[in-house]
Amino acid sequence: MLPQTRETTYCFPGENGPDSNTAMRHFRTLVVDDVEEFRRLLCSTLQERPECEVVGVASDGLQAVQQAEELRPDLILLDLGLPILNGIEAARRIRELSPNSKILFFTQNCSREIAEGALGTGANGYLLKSDATDLLWAVDTVLKGEQFVSSRVLQN
């Protein structure tokens, strides 16, 4: 079951979006997606924020786990459908090896059951690729210690 606490932010585009006047602290990010175009999109969007440093990129789940352990990033953007090791299993392993890293799933899968499983790993958010315009809002929310879930996931 998707948690519904006051700490959960549900994405409704156009409502209560990120406050561009809010200064964020510097954060280090690992970007994980098997599709190069999405990795580039994520990196370029994140680099719009001067406080964001992309410290690594990975194209499969095993690389994600290895880099998370080595780099200990503040934030990990993680796809679900990864080769070698899927995103959910990668997140489980990452949680053990880099427990302070925030994990934000960035995926095409809008299944509520899959989202519940992904968040059950201790992940901090679940953003649909179709909601990519909300990426910075989701990142801000997760880094503040709140949970972010795309609204379409809740509707399924």
N, C-alpha and C. Protein backbone atom coordinates (compact mmCIF):
# COMPACT_ATOMS: atom_id res chain seq x y z
N MET A 1 0.83 -1.18 0.00
CA MET A 1 0.00 0.00 0.00
C MET A 1 0.88 1.24 0.00
N LEU A 2 0.57 2.20 -0.84
CA LEU A 2 1.32 3.44 -0.87
C LEU A 2 1.02 4.23 0.39
N PRO A 3 2.07 4.67 1.07
CA PRO A 3 1.84 5.40 2.31
C PRO A 3 1.14 6.72 2.05
N GLN A 4 0.26 7.11 2.94
CA GLN A 4 -0.42 8.39 2.82
C GLN A 4 -0.25 9.13 4.14
N THR A 5 0.91 9.73 4.29
CA THR A 5 1.20 10.50 5.48
C THR A 5 1.37 11.95 5.08
N ARG A 6 1.50 12.80 6.05
CA ARG A 6 1.69 14.21 5.74
C ARG A 6 3.05 14.44 5.10
N GLU A 7 3.95 13.47 5.17
CA GLU A 7 5.27 13.59 4.57
C GLU A 7 5.29 13.13 3.12
N THR A 8 4.18 12.64 2.62
CA THR A 8 4.13 12.18 1.25
C THR A 8 3.64 13.30 0.35
N THR A 9 4.38 13.57 -0.70
CA THR A 9 3.97 14.59 -1.67
C THR A 9 3.47 13.87 -2.90
N TYR A 10 2.25 14.15 -3.28
CA TYR A 10 1.72 13.56 -4.48
C TYR A 10 1.78 14.59 -5.58
N CYS A 11 2.21 14.18 -6.73
CA CYS A 11 2.45 15.09 -7.84
C CYS A 11 1.16 15.43 -8.58
N PHE A 12 0.78 16.67 -8.52
CA PHE A 12 -0.30 17.17 -9.32
C PHE A 12 0.27 18.37 -10.07
N PRO A 13 0.71 18.18 -11.31
CA PRO A 13 1.39 19.25 -12.04
C PRO A 13 0.62 20.56 -11.98
N GLY A 14 1.38 21.62 -11.74
CA GLY A 14 0.80 22.94 -11.69
C GLY A 14 0.37 23.36 -10.30
N GLU A 15 0.35 22.43 -9.34
CA GLU A 15 -0.05 22.76 -7.97
C GLU A 15 1.15 22.61 -7.06
N ASN A 16 1.41 23.63 -6.29
CA ASN A 16 2.46 23.58 -5.28
C ASN A 16 3.78 23.05 -5.83
N GLY A 17 4.19 23.54 -6.97
CA GLY A 17 5.45 23.12 -7.58
C GLY A 17 6.63 23.60 -6.79
N PRO A 18 7.82 23.32 -7.29
CA PRO A 18 9.01 23.69 -6.55
C PRO A 18 9.11 25.21 -6.44
N ASP A 19 9.58 25.65 -5.33
CA ASP A 19 9.78 27.08 -5.11
C ASP A 19 11.18 27.43 -5.59
N SER A 20 11.26 28.14 -6.69
CA SER A 20 12.56 28.45 -7.27
C SER A 20 13.37 29.38 -6.39
N ASN A 21 12.74 29.99 -5.37
CA ASN A 21 13.48 30.86 -4.46
C ASN A 21 14.11 30.10 -3.31
N THR A 22 13.79 28.82 -3.19
CA THR A 22 14.32 28.02 -2.10
C THR A 22 15.73 27.57 -2.45
N ALA A 23 16.68 27.98 -1.63
CA ALA A 23 18.07 27.60 -1.86
C ALA A 23 18.31 26.20 -1.32
N MET A 24 18.82 25.33 -2.16
CA MET A 24 19.12 23.96 -1.75
C MET A 24 20.61 23.85 -1.47
N ARG A 25 20.96 22.92 -0.64
CA ARG A 25 22.37 22.65 -0.39
C ARG A 25 22.93 21.82 -1.54
N HIS A 26 24.23 21.81 -1.65
CA HIS A 26 24.90 21.02 -2.69
C HIS A 26 24.55 19.54 -2.50
N PHE A 27 24.28 18.84 -3.60
CA PHE A 27 24.03 17.41 -3.50
C PHE A 27 24.67 16.68 -4.68
N ARG A 28 25.10 15.46 -4.38
CA ARG A 28 25.79 14.61 -5.35
C ARG A 28 24.82 13.54 -5.83
N THR A 29 24.80 13.33 -7.16
CA THR A 29 23.79 12.45 -7.75
C THR A 29 24.41 11.38 -8.63
N LEU A 30 23.84 10.19 -8.54
CA LEU A 30 24.15 9.07 -9.42
C LEU A 30 22.93 8.84 -10.30
N VAL A 31 23.11 8.81 -11.61
CA VAL A 31 22.03 8.63 -12.58
C VAL A 31 22.13 7.22 -13.17
N VAL A 32 21.05 6.45 -13.08
CA VAL A 32 21.05 5.06 -13.54
C VAL A 32 19.88 4.80 -14.47
N ASP A 33 20.19 4.54 -15.73
CA ASP A 33 19.17 4.19 -16.72
C ASP A 33 19.88 3.45 -17.85
N ASP A 34 19.23 2.43 -18.40
CA ASP A 34 19.86 1.66 -19.47
C ASP A 34 19.73 2.34 -20.83
N VAL A 35 18.94 3.40 -20.92
CA VAL A 35 18.76 4.12 -22.18
C VAL A 35 19.58 5.40 -22.13
N GLU A 36 20.54 5.49 -23.03
CA GLU A 36 21.46 6.63 -23.02
C GLU A 36 20.73 7.97 -23.11
N GLU A 37 19.68 8.04 -23.92
CA GLU A 37 18.94 9.30 -24.07
C GLU A 37 18.34 9.77 -22.75
N PHE A 38 17.82 8.83 -21.95
CA PHE A 38 17.27 9.21 -20.65
C PHE A 38 18.38 9.64 -19.70
N ARG A 39 19.52 8.95 -19.73
CA ARG A 39 20.64 9.37 -18.88
C ARG A 39 21.05 10.79 -19.22
N ARG A 40 21.13 11.10 -20.51
CA ARG A 40 21.50 12.47 -20.93
C ARG A 40 20.45 13.47 -20.50
N LEU A 41 19.17 13.13 -20.67
CA LEU A 41 18.08 14.02 -20.26
C LEU A 41 18.17 14.31 -18.76
N LEU A 42 18.33 13.27 -17.98
CA LEU A 42 18.42 13.45 -16.53
C LEU A 42 19.61 14.32 -16.15
N CYS A 43 20.76 14.01 -16.73
CA CYS A 43 21.97 14.78 -16.41
C CYS A 43 21.82 16.25 -16.80
N SER A 44 21.31 16.51 -17.98
CA SER A 44 21.18 17.90 -18.42
C SER A 44 20.15 18.65 -17.59
N THR A 45 19.06 18.00 -17.22
CA THR A 45 18.05 18.65 -16.37
C THR A 45 18.61 18.94 -14.99
N LEU A 46 19.30 17.98 -14.42
CA LEU A 46 19.88 18.18 -13.09
C LEU A 46 20.94 19.27 -13.09
N GLN A 47 21.69 19.36 -14.18
CA GLN A 47 22.77 20.34 -14.23
C GLN A 47 22.25 21.77 -14.41
N GLU A 48 20.92 21.93 -14.59
CA GLU A 48 20.33 23.26 -14.56
C GLU A 48 20.42 23.84 -13.16
N ARG A 49 20.58 22.98 -12.19
CA ARG A 49 20.68 23.39 -10.79
C ARG A 49 22.15 23.46 -10.40
N PRO A 50 22.65 24.63 -10.06
CA PRO A 50 24.07 24.76 -9.73
C PRO A 50 24.47 23.95 -8.50
N GLU A 51 23.50 23.64 -7.63
CA GLU A 51 23.82 22.87 -6.43
C GLU A 51 23.93 21.37 -6.70
N CYS A 52 23.60 20.93 -7.91
CA CYS A 52 23.64 19.51 -8.24
C CYS A 52 24.94 19.15 -8.95
N GLU A 53 25.57 18.10 -8.46
CA GLU A 53 26.76 17.56 -9.10
C GLU A 53 26.47 16.10 -9.47
N VAL A 54 26.49 15.80 -10.76
CA VAL A 54 26.32 14.42 -11.20
C VAL A 54 27.69 13.75 -11.06
N VAL A 55 27.79 12.82 -10.11
CA VAL A 55 29.08 12.19 -9.81
C VAL A 55 29.26 10.86 -10.51
N GLY A 56 28.18 10.32 -11.08
CA GLY A 56 28.30 9.04 -11.77
C GLY A 56 27.08 8.73 -12.59
N VAL A 57 27.28 7.89 -13.59
CA VAL A 57 26.19 7.36 -14.41
C VAL A 57 26.40 5.86 -14.55
N ALA A 58 25.30 5.14 -14.63
CA ALA A 58 25.37 3.70 -14.78
C ALA A 58 24.26 3.26 -15.72
N SER A 59 24.51 2.14 -16.42
CA SER A 59 23.52 1.65 -17.38
C SER A 59 22.91 0.30 -16.99
N ASP A 60 23.31 -0.25 -15.86
CA ASP A 60 22.68 -1.48 -15.38
C ASP A 60 22.67 -1.49 -13.85
N GLY A 61 21.90 -2.40 -13.29
CA GLY A 61 21.73 -2.45 -11.85
C GLY A 61 22.98 -2.80 -11.08
N LEU A 62 23.81 -3.66 -11.62
CA LEU A 62 25.03 -4.03 -10.92
C LEU A 62 26.00 -2.84 -10.85
N GLN A 63 26.12 -2.11 -11.96
CA GLN A 63 26.95 -0.89 -11.95
C GLN A 63 26.40 0.11 -10.93
N ALA A 64 25.08 0.21 -10.84
CA ALA A 64 24.46 1.14 -9.89
C ALA A 64 24.86 0.80 -8.46
N VAL A 65 24.80 -0.48 -8.12
CA VAL A 65 25.16 -0.92 -6.77
C VAL A 65 26.63 -0.62 -6.49
N GLN A 66 27.49 -0.95 -7.44
CA GLN A 66 28.93 -0.72 -7.26
C GLN A 66 29.24 0.76 -7.10
N GLN A 67 28.64 1.60 -7.95
CA GLN A 67 28.91 3.03 -7.87
C GLN A 67 28.29 3.66 -6.61
N ALA A 68 27.13 3.18 -6.20
CA ALA A 68 26.52 3.69 -4.98
C ALA A 68 27.42 3.41 -3.78
N GLU A 69 27.98 2.21 -3.72
CA GLU A 69 28.87 1.86 -2.62
C GLU A 69 30.14 2.72 -2.65
N GLU A 70 30.69 2.91 -3.83
CA GLU A 70 31.93 3.67 -3.97
C GLU A 70 31.73 5.17 -3.77
N LEU A 71 30.68 5.73 -4.37
CA LEU A 71 30.50 7.18 -4.39
C LEU A 71 29.67 7.73 -3.23
N ARG A 72 28.80 6.89 -2.65
CA ARG A 72 27.91 7.32 -1.58
C ARG A 72 27.20 8.64 -1.92
N PRO A 73 26.47 8.67 -3.06
CA PRO A 73 25.81 9.92 -3.47
C PRO A 73 24.65 10.28 -2.53
N ASP A 74 24.28 11.54 -2.57
CA ASP A 74 23.13 11.99 -1.78
C ASP A 74 21.83 11.51 -2.41
N LEU A 75 21.82 11.43 -3.75
CA LEU A 75 20.62 11.07 -4.50
C LEU A 75 20.97 10.08 -5.60
N ILE A 76 20.10 9.09 -5.77
CA ILE A 76 20.25 8.13 -6.87
C ILE A 76 18.95 8.13 -7.65
N LEU A 77 19.04 8.50 -8.93
CA LEU A 77 17.89 8.39 -9.84
C LEU A 77 18.01 7.03 -10.48
N LEU A 78 17.01 6.19 -10.29
CA LEU A 78 17.12 4.78 -10.63
C LEU A 78 15.94 4.30 -11.46
N ASP A 79 16.24 3.74 -12.63
CA ASP A 79 15.20 3.14 -13.46
C ASP A 79 14.85 1.76 -12.90
N LEU A 80 13.67 1.28 -13.20
CA LEU A 80 13.26 -0.06 -12.77
C LEU A 80 13.77 -1.15 -13.71
N GLY A 81 13.59 -0.95 -15.00
CA GLY A 81 13.88 -1.98 -15.99
C GLY A 81 15.33 -1.95 -16.43
N LEU A 82 16.20 -2.44 -15.58
CA LEU A 82 17.63 -2.43 -15.86
C LEU A 82 18.14 -3.83 -16.19
N PRO A 83 19.13 -3.93 -17.05
CA PRO A 83 19.75 -5.23 -17.31
C PRO A 83 20.63 -5.67 -16.13
N ILE A 84 20.94 -6.94 -16.11
CA ILE A 84 21.79 -7.62 -15.12
C ILE A 84 21.12 -7.70 -13.75
N LEU A 85 20.69 -6.57 -13.22
CA LEU A 85 20.04 -6.52 -11.92
C LEU A 85 18.94 -5.46 -12.01
N ASN A 86 17.69 -5.86 -11.80
CA ASN A 86 16.60 -4.89 -11.96
C ASN A 86 16.67 -3.81 -10.89
N GLY A 87 15.94 -2.72 -11.11
CA GLY A 87 16.00 -1.57 -10.22
C GLY A 87 15.59 -1.86 -8.79
N ILE A 88 14.58 -2.72 -8.60
CA ILE A 88 14.13 -3.03 -7.25
C ILE A 88 15.21 -3.79 -6.48
N GLU A 89 15.81 -4.78 -7.11
CA GLU A 89 16.88 -5.52 -6.43
C GLU A 89 18.10 -4.62 -6.22
N ALA A 90 18.41 -3.78 -7.19
CA ALA A 90 19.52 -2.83 -7.03
C ALA A 90 19.25 -1.91 -5.83
N ALA A 91 18.02 -1.42 -5.70
CA ALA A 91 17.68 -0.53 -4.59
C ALA A 91 17.83 -1.24 -3.25
N ARG A 92 17.44 -2.49 -3.18
CA ARG A 92 17.60 -3.27 -1.92
C ARG A 92 19.08 -3.33 -1.52
N ARG A 93 19.91 -3.63 -2.50
CA ARG A 93 21.35 -3.73 -2.21
C ARG A 93 21.95 -2.37 -1.88
N ILE A 94 21.53 -1.35 -2.62
CA ILE A 94 22.03 0.01 -2.37
C ILE A 94 21.65 0.46 -0.97
N ARG A 95 20.44 0.16 -0.55
CA ARG A 95 19.99 0.56 0.78
C ARG A 95 20.92 0.03 1.86
N GLU A 96 21.45 -1.19 1.67
CA GLU A 96 22.38 -1.78 2.64
C GLU A 96 23.76 -1.15 2.56
N LEU A 97 24.22 -0.84 1.34
CA LEU A 97 25.59 -0.36 1.14
C LEU A 97 25.74 1.15 1.26
N SER A 98 24.69 1.87 0.99
CA SER A 98 24.74 3.34 1.06
C SER A 98 23.42 3.82 1.67
N PRO A 99 23.23 3.55 2.96
CA PRO A 99 21.93 3.78 3.59
C PRO A 99 21.48 5.24 3.63
N ASN A 100 22.39 6.17 3.49
CA ASN A 100 22.01 7.59 3.54
C ASN A 100 21.64 8.17 2.18
N SER A 101 21.84 7.40 1.12
CA SER A 101 21.48 7.88 -0.22
C SER A 101 19.97 7.85 -0.38
N LYS A 102 19.42 8.93 -0.92
CA LYS A 102 18.00 8.98 -1.25
C LYS A 102 17.83 8.34 -2.62
N ILE A 103 16.81 7.50 -2.78
CA ILE A 103 16.56 6.83 -4.05
C ILE A 103 15.25 7.33 -4.62
N LEU A 104 15.32 7.84 -5.85
CA LEU A 104 14.15 8.29 -6.59
C LEU A 104 14.05 7.43 -7.84
N PHE A 105 13.03 6.56 -7.89
CA PHE A 105 12.81 5.78 -9.09
C PHE A 105 12.29 6.70 -10.18
N PHE A 106 12.81 6.51 -11.39
CA PHE A 106 12.40 7.27 -12.57
C PHE A 106 12.11 6.23 -13.64
N THR A 107 10.84 5.98 -13.90
CA THR A 107 10.47 4.82 -14.68
C THR A 107 9.25 5.06 -15.56
N GLN A 108 9.05 4.17 -16.51
CA GLN A 108 7.86 4.21 -17.37
C GLN A 108 6.70 3.43 -16.76
N ASN A 109 6.98 2.59 -15.78
CA ASN A 109 5.99 1.68 -15.22
C ASN A 109 5.08 2.40 -14.24
N CYS A 110 3.79 2.51 -14.59
CA CYS A 110 2.85 3.22 -13.72
C CYS A 110 1.97 2.28 -12.90
N SER A 111 2.35 1.02 -12.78
CA SER A 111 1.60 0.06 -11.98
C SER A 111 1.71 0.40 -10.49
N ARG A 112 0.58 0.48 -9.84
CA ARG A 112 0.56 0.78 -8.41
C ARG A 112 1.29 -0.30 -7.61
N GLU A 113 1.10 -1.58 -8.00
CA GLU A 113 1.75 -2.68 -7.28
C GLU A 113 3.27 -2.60 -7.42
N ILE A 114 3.74 -2.29 -8.61
CA ILE A 114 5.18 -2.16 -8.82
C ILE A 114 5.72 -0.99 -8.01
N ALA A 115 4.98 0.12 -8.00
CA ALA A 115 5.40 1.29 -7.22
C ALA A 115 5.49 0.95 -5.74
N GLU A 116 4.50 0.21 -5.24
CA GLU A 116 4.53 -0.19 -3.83
C GLU A 116 5.74 -1.06 -3.53
N GLY A 117 6.06 -1.98 -4.45
CA GLY A 117 7.25 -2.81 -4.28
C GLY A 117 8.52 -1.99 -4.30
N ALA A 118 8.59 -1.02 -5.20
CA ALA A 118 9.77 -0.17 -5.31
C ALA A 118 9.94 0.67 -4.05
N LEU A 119 8.86 1.27 -3.59
CA LEU A 119 8.95 2.09 -2.37
C LEU A 119 9.20 1.23 -1.14
N GLY A 120 8.80 -0.03 -1.21
CA GLY A 120 9.04 -0.96 -0.12
C GLY A 120 10.51 -1.28 0.10
N THR A 121 11.35 -0.93 -0.85
CA THR A 121 12.79 -1.13 -0.69
C THR A 121 13.42 -0.05 0.18
N GLY A 122 12.62 0.94 0.54
CA GLY A 122 13.14 2.08 1.28
C GLY A 122 13.41 3.27 0.38
N ALA A 123 12.99 3.17 -0.88
CA ALA A 123 13.16 4.28 -1.82
C ALA A 123 12.33 5.48 -1.34
N ASN A 124 12.71 6.65 -1.79
CA ASN A 124 12.09 7.88 -1.33
C ASN A 124 11.10 8.48 -2.32
N GLY A 125 11.08 7.95 -3.54
CA GLY A 125 10.17 8.52 -4.52
C GLY A 125 10.01 7.65 -5.74
N TYR A 126 8.96 7.96 -6.49
CA TYR A 126 8.61 7.19 -7.68
C TYR A 126 8.04 8.18 -8.70
N LEU A 127 8.84 8.52 -9.69
CA LEU A 127 8.47 9.50 -10.70
C LEU A 127 8.37 8.81 -12.06
N LEU A 128 7.28 9.04 -12.74
CA LEU A 128 7.10 8.48 -14.07
C LEU A 128 7.88 9.31 -15.10
N LYS A 129 8.46 8.62 -16.07
CA LYS A 129 9.19 9.32 -17.13
C LYS A 129 8.28 10.27 -17.89
N SER A 130 7.02 9.92 -17.99
CA SER A 130 6.07 10.81 -18.67
C SER A 130 5.85 12.11 -17.89
N ASP A 131 6.26 12.13 -16.63
CA ASP A 131 6.16 13.33 -15.78
C ASP A 131 7.53 13.99 -15.61
N ALA A 132 8.40 13.82 -16.59
CA ALA A 132 9.77 14.32 -16.48
C ALA A 132 9.85 15.81 -16.18
N THR A 133 8.83 16.56 -16.55
CA THR A 133 8.84 18.00 -16.25
C THR A 133 8.79 18.26 -14.74
N ASP A 134 8.42 17.25 -13.97
CA ASP A 134 8.37 17.37 -12.51
C ASP A 134 9.64 16.86 -11.83
N LEU A 135 10.67 16.57 -12.61
CA LEU A 135 11.88 15.98 -12.05
C LEU A 135 12.48 16.84 -10.94
N LEU A 136 12.67 18.11 -11.18
CA LEU A 136 13.32 18.95 -10.16
C LEU A 136 12.46 19.08 -8.91
N TRP A 137 11.15 19.12 -9.09
CA TRP A 137 10.24 19.14 -7.95
C TRP A 137 10.40 17.85 -7.15
N ALA A 138 10.42 16.72 -7.85
CA ALA A 138 10.58 15.42 -7.17
C ALA A 138 11.90 15.35 -6.43
N VAL A 139 12.96 15.82 -7.08
CA VAL A 139 14.29 15.82 -6.44
C VAL A 139 14.26 16.66 -5.17
N ASP A 140 13.73 17.87 -5.26
CA ASP A 140 13.64 18.75 -4.08
C ASP A 140 12.87 18.07 -2.95
N THR A 141 11.75 17.46 -3.30
CA THR A 141 10.90 16.80 -2.31
C THR A 141 11.65 15.68 -1.61
N VAL A 142 12.29 14.83 -2.38
CA VAL A 142 13.02 13.69 -1.83
C VAL A 142 14.20 14.16 -0.97
N LEU A 143 14.91 15.16 -1.43
CA LEU A 143 16.06 15.65 -0.66
C LEU A 143 15.64 16.31 0.65
N LYS A 144 14.40 16.79 0.72
CA LYS A 144 13.89 17.36 1.97
C LYS A 144 13.44 16.28 2.94
N GLY A 145 13.53 15.02 2.52
CA GLY A 145 13.14 13.92 3.40
C GLY A 145 11.69 13.52 3.27
N GLU A 146 11.01 14.04 2.27
CA GLU A 146 9.61 13.68 2.03
C GLU A 146 9.55 12.66 0.89
N GLN A 147 8.40 12.06 0.73
CA GLN A 147 8.23 11.07 -0.32
C GLN A 147 7.46 11.68 -1.48
N PHE A 148 7.88 11.34 -2.70
CA PHE A 148 7.23 11.85 -3.91
C PHE A 148 6.71 10.67 -4.71
N VAL A 149 5.45 10.76 -5.13
CA VAL A 149 4.85 9.73 -5.98
C VAL A 149 4.06 10.43 -7.08
N SER A 150 4.32 10.07 -8.33
CA SER A 150 3.56 10.65 -9.45
C SER A 150 2.07 10.36 -9.29
N SER A 151 1.25 11.34 -9.61
CA SER A 151 -0.19 11.20 -9.39
C SER A 151 -0.82 10.07 -10.20
N ARG A 152 -0.32 9.82 -11.41
CA ARG A 152 -0.92 8.75 -12.24
C ARG A 152 -0.74 7.38 -11.59
N VAL A 153 0.27 7.21 -10.81
CA VAL A 153 0.48 5.94 -10.10
C VAL A 153 -0.64 5.74 -9.09
N LEU A 154 -1.02 6.80 -8.43
CA LEU A 154 -2.08 6.72 -7.42
C LEU A 154 -3.44 6.44 -8.04
N GLN A 155 -3.60 6.80 -9.31
CA GLN A 155 -4.89 6.61 -9.97
C GLN A 155 -5.08 5.18 -10.47
N ASN A 156 -4.01 4.41 -10.52
CA ASN A 156 -4.10 3.02 -11.02
C ASN A 156 -4.49 2.06 -9.94
